[in-house]
Amino acid sequence: MRSLVYIIVFFCFATAPLADGFVVTLRQQQARILRTRQYALQKNEDEILLRVKLGVREGHTVAAAKQRLAQYSQSFPFSAVLPVQPLMYVPTEDDDGVEVTFLRKKTDIKSGMEGGIRFSIEETEDHSLEVTAVRNSEGQTIPKLVAERLIITSFVKGIKGEEENKYGTPPTDVVGIQSIFHKWMDSGN
């Protein structure tokens, strides 16, 4: 039984991404592995990378603010953030967000797409707006953590109004940031 526990623990640590950690609780005849990140054991599950809650300023409607926010996200210079990484970004089907897709050379075995990030804008119950960026890991053979981090942290800087000339003019006249959460907040970005 003890060797089975060691095999399970080794397998979990060997197959998990380097950024994830595990808490292993060993009990007699039972081993439980608790995951500390959402996708540590289920790689097909999309992970939320960014969530920004924005309040609509007085004198503006939620619809107008949502449209301005969508225009900003769709015109954000993602390719300038990652000049070496080939990527494509297009508006989403509902035209309220943007789909950033990482590209690679197409082969007989692999497609030309290697995951990406989907930015969406939704109205909340309290008539605020929420920008959510979700990882799309479809087609990824190697995790794109560095590229995702650069895109998310640059988008946060842009929407906050930092480095305005670099990322375009954010819609700060229409919306104000109420809260920001992203995966790399504890790293100083």
Protein backbone atom coordinates (compact mmCIF):
# COMPACT_ATOMS: atom_id res chain seq x y z
CA MET A 1 0.00 0.00 0.00
CA ARG A 2 2.79 2.38 0.89
CA SER A 3 4.44 1.88 -2.52
CA LEU A 4 1.12 2.72 -4.20
CA VAL A 5 1.00 5.99 -2.27
CA TYR A 6 4.56 6.82 -3.40
CA ILE A 7 3.67 6.06 -7.00
CA ILE A 8 0.60 8.31 -6.83
CA VAL A 9 2.56 11.15 -5.24
CA PHE A 10 5.40 10.80 -7.77
CA PHE A 11 2.97 10.73 -10.69
CA CYS A 12 1.17 13.87 -9.50
CA PHE A 13 4.38 15.83 -9.01
CA ALA A 14 5.95 14.59 -12.24
CA THR A 15 2.95 15.40 -14.43
CA ALA A 16 1.84 18.66 -12.83
CA PRO A 17 2.96 22.03 -14.23
CA LEU A 18 5.90 23.53 -12.36
CA ALA A 19 3.88 26.47 -11.03
CA ASP A 20 1.38 24.27 -9.22
CA GLY A 21 1.81 22.85 -5.77
CA PHE A 22 0.11 20.00 -3.99
CA VAL A 23 -0.76 19.16 -0.42
CA VAL A 24 -0.50 15.43 0.18
CA THR A 25 -2.18 13.95 3.24
CA LEU A 26 -1.16 10.39 4.01
CA ARG A 27 -3.48 8.31 6.16
CA GLN A 28 -3.45 4.63 6.84
CA GLN A 29 -4.76 2.86 3.72
CA GLN A 30 -5.74 6.15 2.13
CA ALA A 31 -3.93 8.86 0.21
CA ARG A 32 -5.62 12.10 -0.68
CA ILE A 33 -4.19 14.67 -2.99
CA LEU A 34 -5.63 18.14 -2.72
CA ARG A 35 -4.99 20.52 -5.57
CA THR A 36 -4.07 24.12 -4.96
CA ARG A 37 -4.77 25.36 -8.47
CA GLN A 38 -7.87 24.87 -10.58
CA TYR A 39 -6.25 23.06 -13.47
CA ALA A 40 -3.58 21.02 -11.72
CA LEU A 41 -5.30 17.68 -12.22
CA GLN A 42 -7.74 18.50 -15.02
CA LYS A 43 -5.83 20.02 -17.91
CA ASN A 44 -8.90 20.33 -20.12
CA GLU A 45 -10.54 22.75 -17.69
CA ASP A 46 -10.16 26.40 -18.74
CA GLU A 47 -8.65 28.63 -16.09
CA ILE A 48 -9.60 32.23 -15.35
CA LEU A 49 -6.50 34.37 -15.76
CA LEU A 50 -8.02 37.82 -15.18
CA ARG A 51 -11.16 39.34 -13.74
CA VAL A 52 -11.66 43.12 -13.64
CA LYS A 53 -14.81 44.69 -12.23
CA LEU A 54 -15.57 48.17 -13.57
CA GLY A 55 -18.20 50.64 -12.45
CA VAL A 56 -19.98 52.83 -14.99
CA ARG A 57 -19.44 56.55 -14.33
CA GLU A 58 -22.38 58.90 -13.89
CA GLY A 59 -23.87 60.26 -17.08
CA HIS A 60 -23.07 57.11 -19.08
CA THR A 61 -25.18 54.07 -19.82
CA VAL A 62 -24.03 50.51 -19.24
CA ALA A 63 -24.51 49.71 -22.94
CA ALA A 64 -22.32 52.65 -24.03
CA ALA A 65 -19.67 51.76 -21.47
CA LYS A 66 -19.70 48.12 -22.59
CA GLN A 67 -19.28 49.19 -26.20
CA ARG A 68 -16.31 51.46 -25.36
CA LEU A 69 -14.72 48.71 -23.29
CA ALA A 70 -15.19 46.22 -26.14
CA GLN A 71 -13.61 48.67 -28.59
CA TYR A 72 -10.65 49.13 -26.25
CA SER A 73 -10.10 45.40 -25.76
CA GLN A 74 -10.45 44.68 -29.49
CA SER A 75 -7.96 47.40 -30.42
CA PHE A 76 -5.45 46.51 -27.70
CA PRO A 77 -2.02 45.88 -29.31
CA PHE A 78 -1.56 42.26 -28.23
CA SER A 79 0.99 41.64 -31.00
CA ALA A 80 3.14 44.54 -29.73
CA VAL A 81 3.23 42.95 -26.28
CA LEU A 82 4.59 39.70 -27.76
CA PRO A 83 6.46 40.66 -30.94
CA VAL A 84 8.15 37.24 -31.28
CA GLN A 85 5.06 35.08 -30.63
CA PRO A 86 2.89 34.70 -33.73
CA LEU A 87 -0.71 35.33 -32.75
CA MET A 88 -4.07 36.32 -34.10
CA TYR A 89 -6.77 38.28 -32.34
CA VAL A 90 -10.31 38.73 -33.56
CA PRO A 91 -13.55 39.97 -31.99
CA THR A 92 -15.72 37.28 -30.41
CA GLU A 93 -18.97 36.14 -32.02
CA ASP A 94 -21.05 38.34 -29.71
CA ASP A 95 -18.73 41.30 -30.52
CA ASP A 96 -18.28 42.01 -26.78
CA GLY A 97 -14.79 40.63 -26.42
CA VAL A 98 -11.70 39.41 -28.19
CA GLU A 99 -10.21 35.99 -28.86
CA VAL A 100 -6.39 35.91 -28.81
CA THR A 101 -5.00 32.77 -30.44
CA PHE A 102 -1.36 31.68 -30.30
CA LEU A 103 -0.15 30.36 -33.64
CA ARG A 104 2.54 27.89 -34.65
CA LYS A 105 3.72 26.24 -37.84
CA LYS A 106 1.12 23.73 -38.96
CA THR A 107 2.24 20.13 -39.39
CA ASP A 108 0.57 16.86 -40.35
CA ILE A 109 0.16 16.05 -36.67
CA LYS A 110 -0.52 19.47 -35.13
CA SER A 111 -2.87 22.25 -36.14
CA GLY A 112 -1.70 25.82 -36.62
CA MET A 113 -3.29 26.97 -33.36
CA GLU A 114 -1.74 26.58 -29.93
CA GLY A 115 -4.25 27.79 -27.37
CA GLY A 116 -4.86 31.39 -26.42
CA ILE A 117 -6.87 33.71 -24.21
CA ARG A 118 -10.52 34.75 -24.53
CA PHE A 119 -11.45 38.18 -23.18
CA SER A 120 -15.16 38.69 -22.55
CA ILE A 121 -17.18 41.59 -21.17
CA GLU A 122 -20.35 40.96 -19.20
CA GLU A 123 -22.82 43.13 -17.31
CA THR A 124 -23.18 42.10 -13.65
CA GLU A 125 -26.31 42.13 -11.49
CA ASP A 126 -25.33 45.45 -9.89
CA HIS A 127 -25.04 47.08 -13.36
CA SER A 128 -21.26 47.03 -13.36
CA LEU A 129 -19.11 45.55 -16.08
CA GLU A 130 -16.75 42.63 -15.70
CA VAL A 131 -13.86 41.79 -18.00
CA THR A 132 -12.84 38.14 -17.75
CA ALA A 133 -9.87 36.53 -19.49
CA VAL A 134 -9.98 32.74 -19.70
CA ARG A 135 -7.20 30.45 -20.86
CA ASN A 136 -7.93 28.39 -23.96
CA SER A 137 -5.55 25.44 -23.72
CA GLU A 138 -6.89 23.67 -26.81
CA GLY A 139 -4.01 22.56 -29.00
CA GLN A 140 -1.29 23.54 -26.55
CA THR A 141 1.61 21.15 -26.37
CA ILE A 142 3.71 23.45 -24.19
CA PRO A 143 2.08 25.78 -21.63
CA LYS A 144 2.24 29.44 -22.70
CA LEU A 145 2.60 30.84 -19.18
CA VAL A 146 5.10 33.58 -20.08
CA ALA A 147 3.03 34.79 -23.02
CA GLU A 148 -0.17 34.68 -20.95
CA ARG A 149 1.47 36.61 -18.13
CA LEU A 150 2.77 39.33 -20.46
CA ILE A 151 -0.61 39.73 -22.15
CA ILE A 152 -2.58 39.85 -18.88
CA THR A 153 -0.22 42.21 -17.03
CA SER A 154 0.02 44.52 -20.05
CA PHE A 155 -3.77 44.56 -20.42
CA VAL A 156 -4.09 45.44 -16.72
CA LYS A 157 -1.57 48.28 -17.10
CA GLY A 158 -3.43 49.51 -20.16
CA ILE A 159 -6.90 49.44 -18.63
CA LYS A 160 -5.59 51.21 -15.52
CA GLY A 161 -4.24 54.00 -17.72
CA GLU A 162 -0.57 53.28 -17.04
CA GLU A 163 1.70 53.79 -20.04
CA GLU A 164 -1.16 55.37 -22.01
CA ASN A 165 0.83 55.97 -25.18
CA LYS A 166 1.91 52.35 -25.32
CA TYR A 167 -1.49 50.61 -25.08
CA GLY A 168 -3.92 53.20 -26.42
CA THR A 169 -6.40 55.37 -24.56
CA PRO A 170 -8.38 53.38 -21.98
CA PRO A 171 -12.08 54.20 -21.43
CA THR A 172 -11.42 55.70 -17.97
CA ASP A 173 -13.82 58.56 -18.74
CA VAL A 174 -16.68 56.03 -18.98
CA VAL A 175 -15.70 53.34 -16.45
CA GLY A 176 -13.77 53.21 -13.20
CA ILE A 177 -11.98 50.16 -11.86
CA GLN A 178 -13.57 48.67 -8.76
CA SER A 179 -11.44 45.54 -8.42
CA ILE A 180 -8.77 43.59 -10.27
CA PHE A 181 -7.71 40.01 -9.82
CA HIS A 182 -5.26 38.15 -11.99
CA LYS A 183 -3.17 35.04 -11.65
CA TRP A 184 0.14 36.88 -11.27
CA MET A 185 -0.87 39.50 -8.70
CA ASP A 186 1.43 38.10 -6.02
CA SER A 187 4.45 38.43 -8.33
CA GLY A 188 4.49 42.24 -8.19
CA ASN A 189 2.64 42.91 -11.47
